[in-house]
């Protein structure tokens, strides 16, 4: 996938200094999706990777699109490869993105706390497909890397 990247933590995302909302704003204001070459399909992906430790440590957040193999990232963007593996899929409720995305993550953390989900902390991603085109009435799938 190709997109824009930033480092953050979940603790930071719970404050006024949150990075992720600014990344989304940049993604749309700067027309990042339109500048990504050789896209495979219309979906937008939000990738969480390069975890320093677990959900309490730093991680990289990348917003972008899947691309054909051997596509180079344009200036100011990064290329990330996602290897195979096992993923648990959680589907969010339907509603405003600002509510449903944190809600589906809380569901994942609850399952993890209950030992029903063992995460790898290698890569997790959200898929924004046709169900999320209306940001006030959206639904997303969260793919959580599992052991």
C-alpha atoms as a PDB file:
ATOM      1  CA  UNK A   1       0.000   0.000   0.000  1.00  0.00           C
ATOM      2  CA  UNK A   2       1.055   3.586  -0.564  1.00  0.00           C
ATOM      3  CA  UNK A   3       0.011   6.475   1.646  1.00  0.00           C
ATOM      4  CA  UNK A   4       1.040   9.073   4.211  1.00  0.00           C
ATOM      5  CA  UNK A   5       2.557   8.071   7.548  1.00  0.00           C
ATOM      6  CA  UNK A   6       2.822   9.469  11.083  1.00  0.00           C
ATOM      7  CA  UNK A   7       3.923   8.101  14.483  1.00  0.00           C
ATOM      8  CA  UNK A   8       1.593   8.296  17.465  1.00  0.00           C
ATOM      9  CA  UNK A   9       0.319   6.507  20.560  1.00  0.00           C
ATOM     10  CA  UNK A  10      -3.165   5.683  21.776  1.00  0.00           C
ATOM     11  CA  UNK A  11      -2.551   7.949  24.792  1.00  0.00           C
ATOM     12  CA  UNK A  12      -1.801  10.868  22.461  1.00  0.00           C
ATOM     13  CA  UNK A  13      -4.870  10.092  20.356  1.00  0.00           C
ATOM     14  CA  UNK A  14      -7.011  10.606  23.485  1.00  0.00           C
ATOM     15  CA  UNK A  15      -5.802  14.234  23.792  1.00  0.00           C
ATOM     16  CA  UNK A  16      -6.156  17.510  21.899  1.00  0.00           C
ATOM     17  CA  UNK A  17      -2.739  16.711  20.314  1.00  0.00           C
ATOM     18  CA  UNK A  18      -4.140  13.689  18.443  1.00  0.00           C
ATOM     19  CA  UNK A  19      -2.286  12.968  15.194  1.00  0.00           C
ATOM     20  CA  UNK A  20      -4.774  10.751  13.364  1.00  0.00           C
ATOM     21  CA  UNK A  21      -7.514  13.358  12.729  1.00  0.00           C
ATOM     22  CA  UNK A  22      -4.887  15.676  11.232  1.00  0.00           C
ATOM     23  CA  UNK A  23      -3.626  12.893   8.983  1.00  0.00           C
ATOM     24  CA  UNK A  24      -7.165  12.302   7.678  1.00  0.00           C
ATOM     25  CA  UNK A  25      -7.570  16.030   7.071  1.00  0.00           C
ATOM     26  CA  UNK A  26      -4.270  16.155   5.170  1.00  0.00           C
ATOM     27  CA  UNK A  27      -5.232  13.026   3.189  1.00  0.00           C
ATOM     28  CA  UNK A  28      -8.401  14.650   1.847  1.00  0.00           C
ATOM     29  CA  UNK A  29      -7.276  18.292   1.616  1.00  0.00           C
ATOM     30  CA  UNK A  30      -4.122  17.435  -0.319  1.00  0.00           C
ATOM     31  CA  UNK A  31      -5.849  14.901  -2.596  1.00  0.00           C
ATOM     32  CA  UNK A  32      -3.487  12.102  -1.517  1.00  0.00           C
ATOM     33  CA  UNK A  33      -5.746   9.313  -2.808  1.00  0.00           C
ATOM     34  CA  UNK A  34      -5.811  10.850  -6.295  1.00  0.00           C
ATOM     35  CA  UNK A  35      -1.991  11.098  -6.299  1.00  0.00           C
ATOM     36  CA  UNK A  36      -1.412   7.402  -5.490  1.00  0.00           C
ATOM     37  CA  UNK A  37      -0.434   5.574  -8.715  1.00  0.00           C
ATOM     38  CA  UNK A  38      -1.592   2.103  -9.808  1.00  0.00           C
ATOM     39  CA  UNK A  39      -4.349   1.730  -7.227  1.00  0.00           C
ATOM     40  CA  UNK A  40      -6.102  -1.618  -6.894  1.00  0.00           C
ATOM     41  CA  UNK A  41      -9.730  -0.687  -6.288  1.00  0.00           C
ATOM     42  CA  UNK A  42     -11.422   2.323  -4.696  1.00  0.00           C
ATOM     43  CA  UNK A  43     -11.024   1.420  -1.001  1.00  0.00           C
ATOM     44  CA  UNK A  44      -9.057   3.498   1.484  1.00  0.00           C
ATOM     45  CA  UNK A  45      -6.955   1.686   4.082  1.00  0.00           C
ATOM     46  CA  UNK A  46      -5.706   2.851   7.472  1.00  0.00           C
ATOM     47  CA  UNK A  47      -2.737   0.725   8.528  1.00  0.00           C
ATOM     48  CA  UNK A  48      -1.337   0.490  12.057  1.00  0.00           C
ATOM     49  CA  UNK A  49       2.172  -0.987  12.042  1.00  0.00           C
ATOM     50  CA  UNK A  50       5.724  -0.750  13.387  1.00  0.00           C
ATOM     51  CA  UNK A  51       4.455  -1.151  16.933  1.00  0.00           C
ATOM     52  CA  UNK A  52       7.066  -0.346  19.591  1.00  0.00           C
ATOM     53  CA  UNK A  53       5.395  -2.787  21.975  1.00  0.00           C
ATOM     54  CA  UNK A  54       1.659  -3.211  22.475  1.00  0.00           C
ATOM     55  CA  UNK A  55      -1.376  -0.926  22.402  1.00  0.00           C
ATOM     56  CA  UNK A  56       0.317   1.362  24.931  1.00  0.00           C
ATOM     57  CA  UNK A  57       3.422   2.022  22.814  1.00  0.00           C
ATOM     58  CA  UNK A  58       4.162   4.050  19.718  1.00  0.00           C
ATOM     59  CA  UNK A  59       3.022   2.881  16.300  1.00  0.00           C
ATOM     60  CA  UNK A  60       2.950   4.100  12.715  1.00  0.00           C
ATOM     61  CA  UNK A  61      -0.371   5.137  11.212  1.00  0.00           C
ATOM     62  CA  UNK A  62      -0.592   5.093   7.414  1.00  0.00           C
ATOM     63  CA  UNK A  63      -3.597   6.181   5.313  1.00  0.00           C
ATOM     64  CA  UNK A  64      -3.586   5.151   1.681  1.00  0.00           C
ATOM     65  CA  UNK A  65      -4.575   2.625  -0.956  1.00  0.00           C
ATOM     66  CA  UNK A  66      -3.512  -0.808  -2.133  1.00  0.00           C
ATOM     67  CA  UNK A  67      -1.356  -0.652  -5.252  1.00  0.00           C
ATOM     68  CA  UNK A  68       0.040  -3.006  -7.861  1.00  0.00           C
ATOM     69  CA  UNK A  69       3.343  -4.703  -7.019  1.00  0.00           C
ATOM     70  CA  UNK A  70       6.517  -2.775  -7.776  1.00  0.00           C
ATOM     71  CA  UNK A  71       4.787   0.621  -7.668  1.00  0.00           C
ATOM     72  CA  UNK A  72       7.023   3.365  -6.312  1.00  0.00           C
ATOM     73  CA  UNK A  73       5.750   5.794  -3.696  1.00  0.00           C
ATOM     74  CA  UNK A  74       5.504   9.430  -4.844  1.00  0.00           C
ATOM     75  CA  UNK A  75       7.464  12.070  -2.926  1.00  0.00           C
ATOM     76  CA  UNK A  76       6.078  12.611   0.561  1.00  0.00           C
ATOM     77  CA  UNK A  77       4.445   9.170   0.676  1.00  0.00           C
ATOM     78  CA  UNK A  78       5.537   5.737   1.903  1.00  0.00           C
ATOM     79  CA  UNK A  79       5.255   2.223   0.519  1.00  0.00           C
ATOM     80  CA  UNK A  80       4.259  -0.465   3.034  1.00  0.00           C
ATOM     81  CA  UNK A  81       4.086  -4.181   2.333  1.00  0.00           C
ATOM     82  CA  UNK A  82       1.669  -6.305   4.289  1.00  0.00           C
ATOM     83  CA  UNK A  83       2.624  -9.944   4.471  1.00  0.00           C
ATOM     84  CA  UNK A  84       0.064 -12.645   5.010  1.00  0.00           C
ATOM     85  CA  UNK A  85      -1.031 -13.880   8.365  1.00  0.00           C
ATOM     86  CA  UNK A  86      -4.089 -14.456  10.476  1.00  0.00           C
ATOM     87  CA  UNK A  87      -6.507 -11.600  10.981  1.00  0.00           C
ATOM     88  CA  UNK A  88      -9.625 -11.319  13.068  1.00  0.00           C
ATOM     89  CA  UNK A  89     -12.251  -9.110  11.428  1.00  0.00           C
ATOM     90  CA  UNK A  90     -14.439  -6.837  13.518  1.00  0.00           C
ATOM     91  CA  UNK A  91     -17.170  -4.789  11.865  1.00  0.00           C
ATOM     92  CA  UNK A  92     -18.040  -1.453  13.393  1.00  0.00           C
ATOM     93  CA  UNK A  93     -21.501  -0.226  14.208  1.00  0.00           C
ATOM     94  CA  UNK A  94     -23.036   2.152  11.675  1.00  0.00           C
ATOM     95  CA  UNK A  95     -22.891   5.879  12.382  1.00  0.00           C
ATOM     96  CA  UNK A  96     -20.459   8.820  12.361  1.00  0.00           C
ATOM     97  CA  UNK A  97     -16.875   7.732  11.621  1.00  0.00           C
ATOM     98  CA  UNK A  98     -15.655   9.707  14.635  1.00  0.00           C
ATOM     99  CA  UNK A  99     -17.773   7.410  16.832  1.00  0.00           C
ATOM    100  CA  UNK A 100     -17.740   4.015  15.106  1.00  0.00           C
ATOM    101  CA  UNK A 101     -13.978   3.725  14.506  1.00  0.00           C
ATOM    102  CA  UNK A 102     -12.984   4.277  18.157  1.00  0.00           C
ATOM    103  CA  UNK A 103     -15.884   1.992  19.099  1.00  0.00           C
ATOM    104  CA  UNK A 104     -14.626  -0.939  17.029  1.00  0.00           C
ATOM    105  CA  UNK A 105     -11.134  -0.485  18.527  1.00  0.00           C
ATOM    106  CA  UNK A 106     -12.631  -0.544  22.039  1.00  0.00           C
ATOM    107  CA  UNK A 107     -14.323  -3.819  21.056  1.00  0.00           C
ATOM    108  CA  UNK A 108     -10.932  -5.237  19.962  1.00  0.00           C
ATOM    109  CA  UNK A 109      -9.251  -4.125  23.197  1.00  0.00           C
ATOM    110  CA  UNK A 110     -12.062  -5.659  25.264  1.00  0.00           C
ATOM    111  CA  UNK A 111     -11.662  -8.984  23.441  1.00  0.00           C
ATOM    112  CA  UNK A 112      -7.912  -8.763  24.021  1.00  0.00           C
ATOM    113  CA  UNK A 113      -8.410  -8.031  27.745  1.00  0.00           C
ATOM    114  CA  UNK A 114     -10.754 -11.024  27.969  1.00  0.00           C
ATOM    115  CA  UNK A 115      -8.060 -13.204  26.326  1.00  0.00           C
ATOM    116  CA  UNK A 116     -10.401 -13.906  23.397  1.00  0.00           C
ATOM    117  CA  UNK A 117      -8.047 -12.179  20.964  1.00  0.00           C
ATOM    118  CA  UNK A 118      -4.259 -12.585  20.958  1.00  0.00           C
ATOM    119  CA  UNK A 119      -2.745  -9.813  18.856  1.00  0.00           C
ATOM    120  CA  UNK A 120       0.605  -9.963  17.066  1.00  0.00           C
ATOM    121  CA  UNK A 121       1.203  -6.188  17.055  1.00  0.00           C
ATOM    122  CA  UNK A 122       2.684  -6.502  13.576  1.00  0.00           C
ATOM    123  CA  UNK A 123      -0.084  -4.937  11.472  1.00  0.00           C
ATOM    124  CA  UNK A 124      -3.738  -4.047  11.871  1.00  0.00           C
ATOM    125  CA  UNK A 125      -5.837  -2.165   9.348  1.00  0.00           C
ATOM    126  CA  UNK A 126      -9.223  -0.574   8.743  1.00  0.00           C
ATOM    127  CA  UNK A 127     -10.996  -0.867   5.396  1.00  0.00           C
ATOM    128  CA  UNK A 128     -13.038   2.090   4.206  1.00  0.00           C
ATOM    129  CA  UNK A 129     -15.206   0.774   1.377  1.00  0.00           C
ATOM    130  CA  UNK A 130     -18.550   1.839  -0.108  1.00  0.00           C
ATOM    131  CA  UNK A 131     -20.171   1.555   3.348  1.00  0.00           C
ATOM    132  CA  UNK A 132     -18.043   4.429   4.627  1.00  0.00           C
ATOM    133  CA  UNK A 133     -18.546   6.981   1.864  1.00  0.00           C
ATOM    134  CA  UNK A 134     -20.940   8.997   4.035  1.00  0.00           C
ATOM    135  CA  UNK A 135     -18.822   9.978   7.067  1.00  0.00           C
ATOM    136  CA  UNK A 136     -21.962  10.600   9.155  1.00  0.00           C
ATOM    137  CA  UNK A 137     -23.452   7.165   8.427  1.00  0.00           C
ATOM    138  CA  UNK A 138     -20.512   4.832   7.950  1.00  0.00           C
ATOM    139  CA  UNK A 139     -19.385   1.316   8.728  1.00  0.00           C
ATOM    140  CA  UNK A 140     -15.810  -0.021   8.592  1.00  0.00           C
ATOM    141  CA  UNK A 141     -14.065  -3.354   8.988  1.00  0.00           C
ATOM    142  CA  UNK A 142     -11.099  -3.636  11.351  1.00  0.00           C
ATOM    143  CA  UNK A 143      -8.597  -6.409  10.588  1.00  0.00           C
ATOM    144  CA  UNK A 144      -6.585  -7.278  13.689  1.00  0.00           C
ATOM    145  CA  UNK A 145      -3.373  -9.294  13.327  1.00  0.00           C
ATOM    146  CA  UNK A 146      -3.704 -12.457  15.426  1.00  0.00           C
ATOM    147  CA  UNK A 147      -1.241 -15.016  16.790  1.00  0.00           C
END
